Amino acid sequence: MHCLCPILLAFALVGYSYGATKTKCQVVQALRNQGVPDSDLRDWLCLVKHESNYVYDVIRTNRNGSKDYGIFQFNNYFSCGKSGGTSSTICWRINTFGCADTCNSFTNSNISNDANCAVRIKNCNSFRKWNGWKAHCSNVQGSEYDYSGC
């Protein structure tokens, strides 16, 4: 029995480390369904790469105790899980209350609500709400974010 413990622990860590992912094309499709123009897709793909590495069920705890959820890493202090959350496109409501979704709803395999919330946040604030975009994507280039096959 003692021999199985390290093996089971290794499997648990591998499962936790890699999480469930979406493909680049699945992300592109979800964003296109929300009306995102092709000219913005490289920025979105770079953002997703650096925020979650395409893992949709990830939850990360920040230094300040807040948590980021899902493929777009929505923060529970600003973007989700707040009473008064909105499904509107009115920026002051989005910036004050976040999206109407629960934070955990951003960790399931259906990323359509994730894309909807992300696009509304971006339309109000550009990509500045995401640290991954600010650090890595403000002048995105290269084939890593090519979506022509989608």
Foldseek 3Di string as FASTA:
>chain_A
DVVCVVVVVVVVVVCQVPADFDDLQVVVVLLVVLVDDPVCQLLVSQQLCQPPNRHAQDWDADPVRWIFHGSNGHTPVAAADFPQADLDLDLVSCRVGHHDHHRNVRRDPDCNVVSSRVVSNCVNPNCVVGPSSVVPPPPDDDDVRDDVVD
